[in-house]
């Protein structure tokens, strides 16, 4: 596999990870065959073991370029992404989402989509702290208790029907065994009649919440 092949596959893995943070490595590996057939073919020739390729996918999606300490904290969607109740149930079948007729979620969580434990996680919505977790394990969830911010509730009471309100989200946390700081920043969209519907990160990547 050439350096160009590796760079293409790594960029694609990180794109897929932004779009589908709940996908396991096996789903991403299969998608690579569809989107980058030539580079994927060269990769499988070089790495015939599926287990080895899946480990490679996990390194690419979390920012690890080789075994050992994290060289640099990549953008935070590598580690965290907001999700709603239905999306959490898709990842964690034992979680019971409330039935909803429309695309939206009353509750909202941040999901650790990385392979490492995130430490000292603090989340603010609209400048008010709404969550704290000393340690968030891989595939773990932290709920954002947005009702702790009275300004959000006041805005909902004043809002007209079908109005979309946007509130800044900022999550600070530590990676690499607590040695490096990282953050997730962007805007959450709240529809007055339904609930949280989308998150747009500061790098303009966006995902629906439901």
N, C-alpha and C. Protein backbone atom coordinates (compact mmCIF):
# COMPACT_ATOMS: atom_id res chain seq x y z
N UNK A 1 0.85 -1.20 0.00
CA UNK A 1 0.00 0.00 0.00
C UNK A 1 0.88 1.24 0.00
N UNK A 2 0.61 2.17 -0.88
CA UNK A 2 1.41 3.39 -0.98
C UNK A 2 0.98 4.40 0.07
N UNK A 3 1.81 5.43 0.24
CA UNK A 3 1.48 6.51 1.16
C UNK A 3 0.20 7.22 0.72
N UNK A 4 0.01 7.35 -0.60
CA UNK A 4 -1.21 7.99 -1.12
C UNK A 4 -2.44 7.16 -0.77
N UNK A 5 -2.33 5.83 -0.92
CA UNK A 5 -3.44 4.95 -0.54
C UNK A 5 -3.79 5.12 0.93
N UNK A 6 -2.77 5.11 1.77
CA UNK A 6 -2.98 5.23 3.21
C UNK A 6 -3.65 6.56 3.56
N UNK A 7 -3.18 7.65 2.94
CA UNK A 7 -3.76 8.97 3.23
C UNK A 7 -5.22 9.02 2.81
N UNK A 8 -5.54 8.44 1.64
CA UNK A 8 -6.93 8.44 1.18
C UNK A 8 -7.82 7.66 2.13
N UNK A 9 -7.37 6.49 2.53
CA UNK A 9 -8.18 5.66 3.42
C UNK A 9 -8.34 6.30 4.79
N UNK A 10 -7.28 6.91 5.30
CA UNK A 10 -7.37 7.56 6.61
C UNK A 10 -8.35 8.73 6.57
N UNK A 11 -8.28 9.55 5.52
CA UNK A 11 -9.23 10.68 5.41
C UNK A 11 -10.66 10.16 5.32
N UNK A 12 -10.86 9.07 4.57
CA UNK A 12 -12.20 8.54 4.40
C UNK A 12 -12.72 7.95 5.70
N UNK A 13 -11.86 7.27 6.44
CA UNK A 13 -12.27 6.73 7.75
C UNK A 13 -12.73 7.86 8.66
N UNK A 14 -12.01 8.97 8.68
CA UNK A 14 -12.37 10.07 9.57
C UNK A 14 -13.65 10.77 9.10
N UNK A 15 -13.87 10.81 7.78
CA UNK A 15 -15.14 11.34 7.26
C UNK A 15 -16.30 10.45 7.68
N UNK A 16 -16.14 9.14 7.52
CA UNK A 16 -17.19 8.21 7.91
C UNK A 16 -17.43 8.26 9.42
N UNK A 17 -16.37 8.46 10.19
CA UNK A 17 -16.51 8.53 11.63
C UNK A 17 -17.31 9.76 12.04
N UNK A 18 -17.12 10.89 11.32
CA UNK A 18 -17.92 12.08 11.60
C UNK A 18 -19.39 11.84 11.27
N UNK A 19 -19.63 11.19 10.13
CA UNK A 19 -21.00 10.98 9.66
C UNK A 19 -21.73 9.90 10.45
N UNK A 20 -20.98 8.90 10.91
CA UNK A 20 -21.58 7.73 11.58
C UNK A 20 -20.75 7.36 12.81
N UNK A 21 -20.75 8.20 13.85
CA UNK A 21 -19.90 7.91 15.01
C UNK A 21 -20.26 6.64 15.74
N UNK A 22 -21.48 6.12 15.51
CA UNK A 22 -21.91 4.89 16.18
C UNK A 22 -21.54 3.62 15.40
N UNK A 23 -20.99 3.76 14.20
CA UNK A 23 -20.63 2.58 13.41
C UNK A 23 -19.46 1.84 14.05
N UNK A 24 -19.52 0.51 14.11
CA UNK A 24 -18.33 -0.25 14.51
C UNK A 24 -17.29 -0.23 13.39
N UNK A 25 -16.07 -0.63 13.74
CA UNK A 25 -14.98 -0.61 12.76
C UNK A 25 -15.30 -1.49 11.56
N UNK A 26 -16.02 -2.58 11.77
CA UNK A 26 -16.34 -3.50 10.65
C UNK A 26 -17.19 -2.81 9.59
N UNK A 27 -18.14 -1.96 10.01
CA UNK A 27 -18.98 -1.25 9.04
C UNK A 27 -18.15 -0.25 8.24
N UNK A 28 -17.25 0.45 8.92
CA UNK A 28 -16.40 1.41 8.22
C UNK A 28 -15.48 0.68 7.23
N UNK A 29 -14.91 -0.44 7.66
CA UNK A 29 -14.01 -1.20 6.78
C UNK A 29 -14.74 -1.65 5.51
N UNK A 30 -15.99 -2.11 5.64
CA UNK A 30 -16.77 -2.53 4.47
C UNK A 30 -17.07 -1.35 3.55
N UNK A 31 -17.34 -0.18 4.14
CA UNK A 31 -17.67 0.99 3.34
C UNK A 31 -16.47 1.47 2.53
N UNK A 32 -15.27 1.26 3.06
CA UNK A 32 -14.07 1.66 2.32
C UNK A 32 -13.98 0.94 0.98
N UNK A 33 -14.40 -0.32 0.95
CA UNK A 33 -14.35 -1.10 -0.29
C UNK A 33 -15.25 -0.48 -1.36
N UNK A 34 -16.35 0.15 -0.93
CA UNK A 34 -17.28 0.76 -1.88
C UNK A 34 -16.81 2.13 -2.35
N UNK A 35 -16.19 2.89 -1.45
CA UNK A 35 -15.86 4.29 -1.76
C UNK A 35 -14.44 4.50 -2.30
N UNK A 36 -13.55 3.57 -2.02
CA UNK A 36 -12.16 3.72 -2.47
C UNK A 36 -11.63 2.34 -2.86
N UNK A 37 -12.19 1.81 -3.95
CA UNK A 37 -11.93 0.42 -4.30
C UNK A 37 -10.44 0.13 -4.57
N UNK A 38 -9.77 1.04 -5.26
CA UNK A 38 -8.37 0.80 -5.62
C UNK A 38 -7.48 0.81 -4.38
N UNK A 39 -7.61 1.87 -3.57
CA UNK A 39 -6.80 1.95 -2.36
C UNK A 39 -7.14 0.82 -1.40
N UNK A 40 -8.43 0.48 -1.32
CA UNK A 40 -8.85 -0.62 -0.44
C UNK A 40 -8.23 -1.94 -0.92
N UNK A 41 -8.22 -2.18 -2.24
CA UNK A 41 -7.62 -3.38 -2.77
C UNK A 41 -6.14 -3.48 -2.46
N UNK A 42 -5.44 -2.37 -2.61
CA UNK A 42 -4.01 -2.35 -2.27
C UNK A 42 -3.80 -2.61 -0.78
N UNK A 43 -4.72 -2.08 0.03
CA UNK A 43 -4.63 -2.27 1.48
C UNK A 43 -4.84 -3.74 1.85
N UNK A 44 -5.85 -4.38 1.25
CA UNK A 44 -6.10 -5.79 1.57
C UNK A 44 -4.97 -6.69 1.08
N UNK A 45 -4.33 -6.30 -0.03
CA UNK A 45 -3.17 -7.07 -0.48
C UNK A 45 -2.04 -6.96 0.54
N UNK A 46 -1.89 -5.77 1.08
CA UNK A 46 -0.82 -5.52 2.05
C UNK A 46 -1.16 -6.05 3.44
N UNK A 47 -2.47 -6.02 3.78
CA UNK A 47 -2.95 -6.44 5.10
C UNK A 47 -4.10 -7.42 4.92
N UNK A 48 -3.81 -8.70 4.63
CA UNK A 48 -4.88 -9.65 4.33
C UNK A 48 -5.74 -10.03 5.54
N UNK A 49 -5.22 -9.85 6.74
CA UNK A 49 -5.97 -10.22 7.94
C UNK A 49 -7.05 -9.18 8.24
N UNK A 50 -8.32 -9.60 8.28
CA UNK A 50 -9.41 -8.68 8.61
C UNK A 50 -9.23 -8.09 9.99
N UNK A 51 -8.80 -8.88 10.95
CA UNK A 51 -8.61 -8.39 12.31
C UNK A 51 -7.58 -7.25 12.34
N UNK A 52 -6.51 -7.39 11.57
CA UNK A 52 -5.50 -6.33 11.52
C UNK A 52 -6.06 -5.07 10.87
N UNK A 53 -6.89 -5.24 9.83
CA UNK A 53 -7.49 -4.06 9.18
C UNK A 53 -8.44 -3.33 10.12
N UNK A 54 -9.19 -4.08 10.92
CA UNK A 54 -10.11 -3.44 11.86
C UNK A 54 -9.35 -2.66 12.93
N UNK A 55 -8.22 -3.20 13.38
CA UNK A 55 -7.40 -2.44 14.33
C UNK A 55 -6.87 -1.17 13.68
N UNK A 56 -6.51 -1.26 12.40
CA UNK A 56 -6.03 -0.08 11.68
C UNK A 56 -7.11 0.98 11.58
N UNK A 57 -8.34 0.56 11.29
CA UNK A 57 -9.48 1.48 11.22
C UNK A 57 -9.63 2.21 12.55
N UNK A 58 -9.55 1.48 13.66
CA UNK A 58 -9.70 2.10 14.97
C UNK A 58 -8.59 3.11 15.23
N UNK A 59 -7.36 2.80 14.80
CA UNK A 59 -6.28 3.77 14.98
C UNK A 59 -6.52 5.02 14.16
N UNK A 60 -6.97 4.84 12.92
CA UNK A 60 -7.23 6.00 12.06
C UNK A 60 -8.35 6.86 12.62
N UNK A 61 -9.40 6.24 13.11
CA UNK A 61 -10.56 7.04 13.54
C UNK A 61 -10.29 7.74 14.87
N UNK A 62 -9.39 7.25 15.69
CA UNK A 62 -9.12 7.88 16.98
C UNK A 62 -7.89 8.75 16.96
N UNK A 63 -7.17 8.80 15.83
CA UNK A 63 -6.01 9.66 15.74
C UNK A 63 -4.70 8.97 16.02
N UNK A 64 -4.72 7.66 16.28
CA UNK A 64 -3.48 6.93 16.49
C UNK A 64 -2.90 6.55 15.14
N UNK A 65 -1.67 6.94 14.89
CA UNK A 65 -1.00 6.56 13.66
C UNK A 65 -0.15 5.32 13.86
N UNK A 66 0.16 4.98 15.07
CA UNK A 66 0.92 3.76 15.38
C UNK A 66 0.70 3.46 16.85
N UNK A 67 1.18 2.28 17.29
CA UNK A 67 1.04 1.93 18.69
C UNK A 67 1.81 2.93 19.54
N UNK A 68 1.30 3.20 20.73
CA UNK A 68 2.00 4.12 21.60
C UNK A 68 1.13 5.31 21.95
N UNK A 69 1.66 6.34 22.58
CA UNK A 69 0.87 7.49 23.02
C UNK A 69 0.24 8.24 21.86
N UNK A 70 -0.81 8.92 22.14
CA UNK A 70 -1.49 9.74 21.13
C UNK A 70 -0.57 10.88 20.73
N UNK A 71 -0.26 10.95 19.43
CA UNK A 71 0.69 11.96 18.96
C UNK A 71 0.10 13.36 19.06
N UNK A 72 -1.20 13.48 18.78
CA UNK A 72 -1.81 14.81 18.84
C UNK A 72 -3.31 14.63 18.98
N UNK A 73 -3.95 15.57 19.65
CA UNK A 73 -5.39 15.49 19.82
C UNK A 73 -6.05 15.94 18.53
N UNK A 74 -6.74 15.05 17.86
CA UNK A 74 -7.40 15.41 16.62
C UNK A 74 -8.71 16.10 16.96
N UNK A 75 -9.45 16.47 15.93
CA UNK A 75 -10.70 17.16 16.18
C UNK A 75 -11.61 16.30 17.05
N UNK A 76 -12.44 16.96 17.84
CA UNK A 76 -13.14 16.27 18.91
C UNK A 76 -14.18 15.28 18.45
N UNK A 77 -14.64 15.40 17.18
CA UNK A 77 -15.62 14.40 16.75
C UNK A 77 -14.98 13.02 16.68
N UNK A 78 -13.63 12.95 16.69
CA UNK A 78 -12.95 11.67 16.80
C UNK A 78 -13.31 11.00 18.11
N UNK A 79 -13.63 11.79 19.13
CA UNK A 79 -13.88 11.27 20.46
C UNK A 79 -15.35 11.34 20.86
N UNK A 80 -16.01 12.43 20.56
CA UNK A 80 -17.36 12.67 21.06
C UNK A 80 -18.29 13.11 19.96
N UNK A 81 -19.57 12.78 20.13
CA UNK A 81 -20.59 13.33 19.25
C UNK A 81 -21.93 13.33 19.98
N UNK A 82 -22.72 14.41 19.84
CA UNK A 82 -24.03 14.44 20.48
C UNK A 82 -25.01 13.46 19.82
N UNK A 83 -25.88 12.90 20.63
CA UNK A 83 -26.90 11.97 20.15
C UNK A 83 -28.20 12.20 20.91
N UNK A 84 -29.32 11.80 20.28
CA UNK A 84 -30.61 11.82 20.93
C UNK A 84 -30.99 10.44 21.46
N UNK A 85 -32.23 10.35 21.93
CA UNK A 85 -32.68 9.11 22.56
C UNK A 85 -32.74 7.93 21.59
N UNK A 86 -33.31 8.15 20.40
CA UNK A 86 -33.41 7.06 19.43
C UNK A 86 -32.02 6.57 19.00
N UNK A 87 -31.11 7.53 18.81
CA UNK A 87 -29.76 7.16 18.40
C UNK A 87 -29.05 6.39 19.50
N UNK A 88 -29.28 6.78 20.75
CA UNK A 88 -28.66 6.04 21.85
C UNK A 88 -29.21 4.61 21.90
N UNK A 89 -30.50 4.49 21.70
CA UNK A 89 -31.09 3.14 21.73
C UNK A 89 -30.51 2.27 20.61
N UNK A 90 -30.17 2.90 19.46
CA UNK A 90 -29.57 2.14 18.38
C UNK A 90 -28.21 1.59 18.74
N UNK A 91 -27.48 2.31 19.60
CA UNK A 91 -26.17 1.87 20.05
C UNK A 91 -26.28 0.98 21.28
N UNK A 92 -27.23 1.30 22.14
CA UNK A 92 -27.40 0.61 23.42
C UNK A 92 -28.85 0.11 23.51
N UNK A 93 -29.13 -1.10 22.99
CA UNK A 93 -30.52 -1.58 22.90
C UNK A 93 -31.26 -1.61 24.24
N UNK A 94 -30.54 -1.72 25.35
CA UNK A 94 -31.20 -1.78 26.65
C UNK A 94 -31.75 -0.41 27.08
N UNK A 95 -31.28 0.66 26.43
CA UNK A 95 -31.80 1.99 26.74
C UNK A 95 -33.17 2.16 26.10
N UNK A 96 -34.12 2.67 26.84
CA UNK A 96 -35.49 2.82 26.33
C UNK A 96 -35.75 4.27 25.96
N UNK A 97 -35.90 4.52 24.68
CA UNK A 97 -36.22 5.86 24.19
C UNK A 97 -37.72 6.09 24.29
N UNK A 98 -38.10 7.33 24.54
CA UNK A 98 -39.53 7.66 24.57
C UNK A 98 -40.08 7.65 23.15
N UNK A 99 -41.30 7.17 22.96
CA UNK A 99 -41.89 7.20 21.62
C UNK A 99 -42.09 8.64 21.17
N UNK A 100 -41.79 8.91 19.91
CA UNK A 100 -41.93 10.27 19.37
C UNK A 100 -42.45 10.18 17.95
N UNK A 101 -43.34 11.09 17.59
CA UNK A 101 -43.91 11.09 16.25
C UNK A 101 -43.02 11.81 15.26
N UNK A 102 -42.20 12.73 15.75
CA UNK A 102 -41.39 13.55 14.86
C UNK A 102 -39.90 13.32 15.13
N UNK A 103 -39.10 13.73 14.18
CA UNK A 103 -37.65 13.67 14.31
C UNK A 103 -37.19 14.72 15.30
N UNK A 104 -36.79 14.28 16.47
CA UNK A 104 -36.31 15.17 17.52
C UNK A 104 -36.06 14.34 18.76
N UNK A 105 -35.43 14.95 19.75
CA UNK A 105 -35.20 14.27 21.03
C UNK A 105 -35.31 15.28 22.15
N UNK A 106 -36.04 14.91 23.20
CA UNK A 106 -36.13 15.80 24.36
C UNK A 106 -34.85 15.71 25.19
N UNK A 107 -34.28 14.50 25.28
CA UNK A 107 -33.03 14.33 26.01
C UNK A 107 -31.87 14.30 25.01
N UNK A 108 -30.69 14.68 25.49
CA UNK A 108 -29.53 14.73 24.60
C UNK A 108 -28.30 14.26 25.38
N UNK A 109 -27.42 13.56 24.69
CA UNK A 109 -26.26 12.95 25.30
C UNK A 109 -25.02 13.23 24.44
N UNK A 110 -23.84 13.13 25.04
CA UNK A 110 -22.62 13.04 24.25
C UNK A 110 -22.13 11.61 24.37
N UNK A 111 -21.71 11.06 23.24
CA UNK A 111 -21.32 9.66 23.12
C UNK A 111 -19.82 9.55 22.90
N UNK A 112 -19.15 8.75 23.69
CA UNK A 112 -17.72 8.51 23.50
C UNK A 112 -17.55 7.47 22.41
N UNK A 113 -17.28 7.92 21.19
CA UNK A 113 -17.15 7.02 20.05
C UNK A 113 -15.70 6.62 19.80
N UNK A 114 -14.83 6.88 20.78
CA UNK A 114 -13.42 6.51 20.64
C UNK A 114 -13.15 5.19 21.35
N UNK A 115 -11.89 4.77 21.32
CA UNK A 115 -11.49 3.53 21.98
C UNK A 115 -10.76 3.79 23.29
N UNK A 116 -10.81 5.03 23.78
CA UNK A 116 -10.13 5.34 25.04
C UNK A 116 -11.08 6.04 26.00
N UNK A 117 -10.75 5.96 27.28
CA UNK A 117 -11.53 6.63 28.31
C UNK A 117 -11.22 8.12 28.30
N UNK A 118 -12.26 8.94 28.26
CA UNK A 118 -12.11 10.39 28.30
C UNK A 118 -12.26 10.84 29.75
N UNK A 119 -11.42 11.75 30.18
CA UNK A 119 -11.38 12.12 31.59
C UNK A 119 -11.71 13.60 31.80
N UNK A 120 -12.25 13.88 32.99
CA UNK A 120 -12.57 15.25 33.39
C UNK A 120 -13.41 15.96 32.32
N UNK A 121 -14.51 15.32 31.95
CA UNK A 121 -15.38 15.87 30.91
C UNK A 121 -16.34 16.87 31.54
N UNK A 122 -16.35 18.07 31.00
CA UNK A 122 -17.28 19.11 31.43
C UNK A 122 -17.98 19.67 30.20
N UNK A 123 -19.29 19.76 30.26
CA UNK A 123 -20.08 20.25 29.13
C UNK A 123 -20.90 21.45 29.54
N UNK A 124 -20.93 22.45 28.64
CA UNK A 124 -21.74 23.64 28.84
C UNK A 124 -22.66 23.82 27.65
N UNK A 125 -23.89 24.18 27.92
CA UNK A 125 -24.84 24.57 26.87
C UNK A 125 -25.30 25.99 27.19
N UNK A 126 -25.07 26.89 26.25
CA UNK A 126 -25.40 28.30 26.50
C UNK A 126 -24.58 28.90 27.62
N UNK A 127 -23.37 28.39 27.83
CA UNK A 127 -22.49 28.94 28.85
C UNK A 127 -22.72 28.42 30.25
N UNK A 128 -23.69 27.53 30.43
CA UNK A 128 -24.01 26.97 31.75
C UNK A 128 -23.60 25.50 31.78
N UNK A 129 -22.88 25.10 32.83
CA UNK A 129 -22.45 23.70 32.93
C UNK A 129 -23.66 22.79 33.11
N UNK A 130 -23.75 21.78 32.25
CA UNK A 130 -24.90 20.87 32.28
C UNK A 130 -24.48 19.42 32.45
N UNK A 131 -23.18 19.14 32.51
CA UNK A 131 -22.71 17.77 32.71
C UNK A 131 -21.28 17.77 33.19
N UNK A 132 -20.98 16.80 34.05
CA UNK A 132 -19.60 16.56 34.47
C UNK A 132 -19.42 15.05 34.66
N UNK A 133 -18.37 14.51 34.05
CA UNK A 133 -18.04 13.11 34.22
C UNK A 133 -16.54 13.00 34.50
N UNK A 134 -16.14 12.43 35.64
CA UNK A 134 -14.71 12.26 35.89
C UNK A 134 -14.05 11.32 34.89
N UNK A 135 -14.82 10.35 34.38
CA UNK A 135 -14.29 9.42 33.38
C UNK A 135 -15.45 8.89 32.55
N UNK A 136 -15.31 8.94 31.24
CA UNK A 136 -16.34 8.43 30.33
C UNK A 136 -15.70 7.33 29.50
N UNK A 137 -16.16 6.10 29.71
CA UNK A 137 -15.54 4.95 29.06
C UNK A 137 -15.91 4.88 27.59
N UNK A 138 -15.16 4.12 26.78
CA UNK A 138 -15.53 3.96 25.37
C UNK A 138 -16.95 3.44 25.22
N UNK A 139 -17.67 3.98 24.26
CA UNK A 139 -19.07 3.68 24.00
C UNK A 139 -19.99 4.06 25.17
N UNK A 140 -19.49 4.96 26.03
CA UNK A 140 -20.30 5.45 27.13
C UNK A 140 -21.01 6.74 26.78
N UNK A 141 -22.04 7.08 27.55
CA UNK A 141 -22.86 8.27 27.31
C UNK A 141 -22.84 9.17 28.55
N UNK A 142 -22.85 10.48 28.31
CA UNK A 142 -23.04 11.45 29.38
C UNK A 142 -24.23 12.32 28.98
N UNK A 143 -25.22 12.40 29.85
CA UNK A 143 -26.40 13.20 29.52
C UNK A 143 -26.13 14.68 29.76
N UNK A 144 -26.59 15.49 28.81
CA UNK A 144 -26.53 16.94 28.96
C UNK A 144 -27.84 17.41 29.58
N UNK A 145 -27.78 17.82 30.83
CA UNK A 145 -29.00 18.22 31.55
C UNK A 145 -29.30 19.69 31.23
N UNK A 146 -29.80 19.90 30.02
CA UNK A 146 -29.95 21.25 29.50
C UNK A 146 -30.96 22.08 30.27
N UNK A 147 -31.87 21.44 30.99
CA UNK A 147 -32.86 22.21 31.75
C UNK A 147 -32.22 22.95 32.93
N UNK A 148 -30.94 22.69 33.20
CA UNK A 148 -30.24 23.45 34.24
C UNK A 148 -29.96 24.88 33.80
N UNK A 149 -30.13 25.14 32.52
CA UNK A 149 -29.94 26.49 32.00
C UNK A 149 -31.31 27.15 31.87
N UNK A 150 -31.69 28.04 32.78
CA UNK A 150 -33.04 28.63 32.73
C UNK A 150 -33.28 29.46 31.49
N UNK A 151 -32.23 29.99 30.88
CA UNK A 151 -32.41 30.81 29.68
C UNK A 151 -32.97 29.99 28.52
N UNK A 152 -32.62 28.71 28.46
CA UNK A 152 -33.15 27.85 27.39
C UNK A 152 -34.65 27.65 27.60
N UNK A 153 -35.06 27.38 28.82
CA UNK A 153 -36.48 27.20 29.10
C UNK A 153 -37.26 28.49 28.84
N UNK A 154 -36.70 29.62 29.22
CA UNK A 154 -37.37 30.90 28.98
C UNK A 154 -37.51 31.16 27.49
N UNK A 155 -36.48 30.82 26.72
CA UNK A 155 -36.55 31.00 25.28
C UNK A 155 -37.62 30.14 24.64
N UNK A 156 -37.79 28.92 25.14
CA UNK A 156 -38.84 28.04 24.61
C UNK A 156 -40.23 28.61 24.89
N UNK A 157 -40.41 29.19 26.07
CA UNK A 157 -41.72 29.74 26.42
C UNK A 157 -42.08 30.93 25.53
N UNK A 158 -41.07 31.70 25.11
CA UNK A 158 -41.32 32.89 24.28
C UNK A 158 -41.37 32.57 22.79
N UNK A 159 -40.85 31.42 22.40
CA UNK A 159 -40.69 31.11 20.98
C UNK A 159 -42.03 30.83 20.29
N UNK A 160 -42.13 31.26 19.05
CA UNK A 160 -43.30 30.93 18.24
C UNK A 160 -43.21 29.50 17.74
N UNK A 161 -44.35 28.95 17.30
CA UNK A 161 -44.38 27.57 16.81
C UNK A 161 -43.37 27.38 15.69
N UNK A 162 -42.72 26.21 15.70
CA UNK A 162 -41.77 25.79 14.65
C UNK A 162 -40.51 26.66 14.60
N UNK A 163 -40.29 27.46 15.61
CA UNK A 163 -39.05 28.24 15.66
C UNK A 163 -37.88 27.33 16.01
N UNK A 164 -36.75 27.56 15.36
CA UNK A 164 -35.54 26.83 15.68
C UNK A 164 -34.61 27.74 16.48
N UNK A 165 -34.28 27.31 17.67
CA UNK A 165 -33.38 28.06 18.55
C UNK A 165 -32.02 27.37 18.55
N UNK A 166 -30.96 28.15 18.56
CA UNK A 166 -29.61 27.59 18.55
C UNK A 166 -28.87 27.98 19.82
N UNK A 167 -28.23 26.99 20.41
CA UNK A 167 -27.50 27.20 21.66
C UNK A 167 -26.09 26.62 21.53
N UNK A 168 -25.07 27.39 21.91
CA UNK A 168 -23.70 26.88 21.80
C UNK A 168 -23.43 25.74 22.78
N UNK A 169 -22.75 24.73 22.28
CA UNK A 169 -22.30 23.61 23.10
C UNK A 169 -20.78 23.63 23.16
N UNK A 170 -20.24 23.48 24.35
CA UNK A 170 -18.79 23.38 24.52
C UNK A 170 -18.51 22.25 25.51
N UNK A 171 -17.72 21.27 25.06
CA UNK A 171 -17.35 20.15 25.91
C UNK A 171 -15.83 20.11 26.00
N UNK A 172 -15.30 20.18 27.20
CA UNK A 172 -13.86 20.10 27.44
C UNK A 172 -13.58 18.76 28.10
N UNK A 173 -12.47 18.11 27.70
CA UNK A 173 -12.14 16.81 28.27
C UNK A 173 -10.66 16.54 28.04
N UNK A 174 -10.15 15.48 28.69
CA UNK A 174 -8.75 15.09 28.57
C UNK A 174 -8.65 13.75 27.87
N UNK A 175 -7.61 13.62 27.03
CA UNK A 175 -7.35 12.37 26.31
C UNK A 175 -5.91 11.93 26.62
N UNK A 176 -5.53 10.79 26.02
CA UNK A 176 -4.17 10.26 26.21
C UNK A 176 -3.84 10.11 27.69
N UNK A 177 -4.73 9.36 28.39
CA UNK A 177 -4.53 9.12 29.83
C UNK A 177 -4.47 10.41 30.63
N UNK A 178 -5.24 11.39 30.19
CA UNK A 178 -5.33 12.64 30.92
C UNK A 178 -4.21 13.62 30.67
N UNK A 179 -3.36 13.35 29.68
CA UNK A 179 -2.19 14.20 29.45
C UNK A 179 -2.44 15.31 28.45
N UNK A 180 -3.51 15.25 27.68
CA UNK A 180 -3.78 16.29 26.69
C UNK A 180 -5.24 16.73 26.79
N UNK A 181 -5.46 18.01 26.52
CA UNK A 181 -6.81 18.54 26.55
C UNK A 181 -7.39 18.59 25.14
N UNK A 182 -8.68 18.38 25.05
CA UNK A 182 -9.39 18.47 23.78
C UNK A 182 -10.76 19.08 24.04
N UNK A 183 -11.43 19.47 22.98
CA UNK A 183 -12.75 20.07 23.16
C UNK A 183 -13.62 19.81 21.94
N UNK A 184 -14.90 19.84 22.17
CA UNK A 184 -15.91 19.78 21.11
C UNK A 184 -16.72 21.06 21.21
N UNK A 185 -16.83 21.80 20.11
CA UNK A 185 -17.56 23.06 20.12
C UNK A 185 -18.47 23.13 18.90
N UNK A 186 -19.59 23.77 19.08
CA UNK A 186 -20.52 23.94 17.98
C UNK A 186 -21.85 24.47 18.48
N UNK A 187 -22.89 24.30 17.67
CA UNK A 187 -24.22 24.79 18.02
C UNK A 187 -25.24 23.66 17.96
N UNK A 188 -26.07 23.58 18.99
CA UNK A 188 -27.19 22.66 19.03
C UNK A 188 -28.44 23.38 18.56
N UNK A 189 -29.26 22.69 17.76
CA UNK A 189 -30.52 23.27 17.27
C UNK A 189 -31.69 22.65 18.01
N UNK A 190 -32.55 23.51 18.51
CA UNK A 190 -33.71 23.10 19.31
C UNK A 190 -34.97 23.64 18.64
N UNK A 191 -35.85 22.74 18.22
CA UNK A 191 -37.14 23.17 17.64
C UNK A 191 -38.14 23.33 18.77
N UNK A 192 -38.81 24.46 18.78
CA UNK A 192 -39.66 24.83 19.91
C UNK A 192 -40.73 23.79 20.22
N UNK A 193 -41.28 23.14 19.19
CA UNK A 193 -42.39 22.22 19.43
C UNK A 193 -41.95 20.77 19.60
N UNK A 194 -40.70 20.47 19.28
CA UNK A 194 -40.33 19.06 19.21
C UNK A 194 -39.15 18.66 20.08
N UNK A 195 -38.06 19.42 20.03
CA UNK A 195 -36.88 19.04 20.80
C UNK A 195 -35.61 19.31 20.02
N UNK A 196 -34.54 18.66 20.44
CA UNK A 196 -33.24 18.84 19.81
C UNK A 196 -33.21 18.10 18.49
N UNK A 197 -32.73 18.76 17.44
CA UNK A 197 -32.82 18.17 16.10
C UNK A 197 -31.49 18.08 15.37
N UNK A 198 -30.45 18.83 15.77
CA UNK A 198 -29.20 18.80 15.01
C UNK A 198 -28.07 19.40 15.83
N UNK A 199 -26.85 19.03 15.43
CA UNK A 199 -25.64 19.65 15.98
C UNK A 199 -24.73 20.01 14.82
N UNK A 200 -24.24 21.24 14.84
CA UNK A 200 -23.29 21.70 13.82
C UNK A 200 -21.99 22.07 14.52
N UNK A 201 -20.93 21.31 14.24
CA UNK A 201 -19.65 21.53 14.90
C UNK A 201 -18.96 22.76 14.35
N UNK A 202 -17.95 23.22 15.06
CA UNK A 202 -17.24 24.43 14.66
C UNK A 202 -16.52 24.26 13.32
N UNK A 203 -16.25 23.00 12.92
CA UNK A 203 -15.62 22.76 11.61
C UNK A 203 -16.66 22.60 10.50
N UNK A 204 -17.95 22.88 10.85
CA UNK A 204 -19.08 22.84 9.93
C UNK A 204 -19.59 21.44 9.63
N UNK A 205 -19.02 20.41 10.22
CA UNK A 205 -19.62 19.08 10.10
C UNK A 205 -20.92 19.08 10.88
N UNK A 206 -21.91 18.35 10.40
CA UNK A 206 -23.24 18.43 10.98
C UNK A 206 -23.89 17.05 11.00
N UNK A 207 -24.72 16.81 12.01
CA UNK A 207 -25.44 15.55 12.11
C UNK A 207 -26.78 15.80 12.77
N UNK A 208 -27.80 15.11 12.28
CA UNK A 208 -29.12 15.21 12.88
C UNK A 208 -29.11 14.53 14.26
N UNK A 209 -29.99 15.01 15.12
CA UNK A 209 -30.22 14.40 16.42
C UNK A 209 -31.66 13.90 16.45
N UNK A 210 -31.82 12.68 16.89
CA UNK A 210 -33.18 12.14 16.99
C UNK A 210 -33.27 11.08 18.08
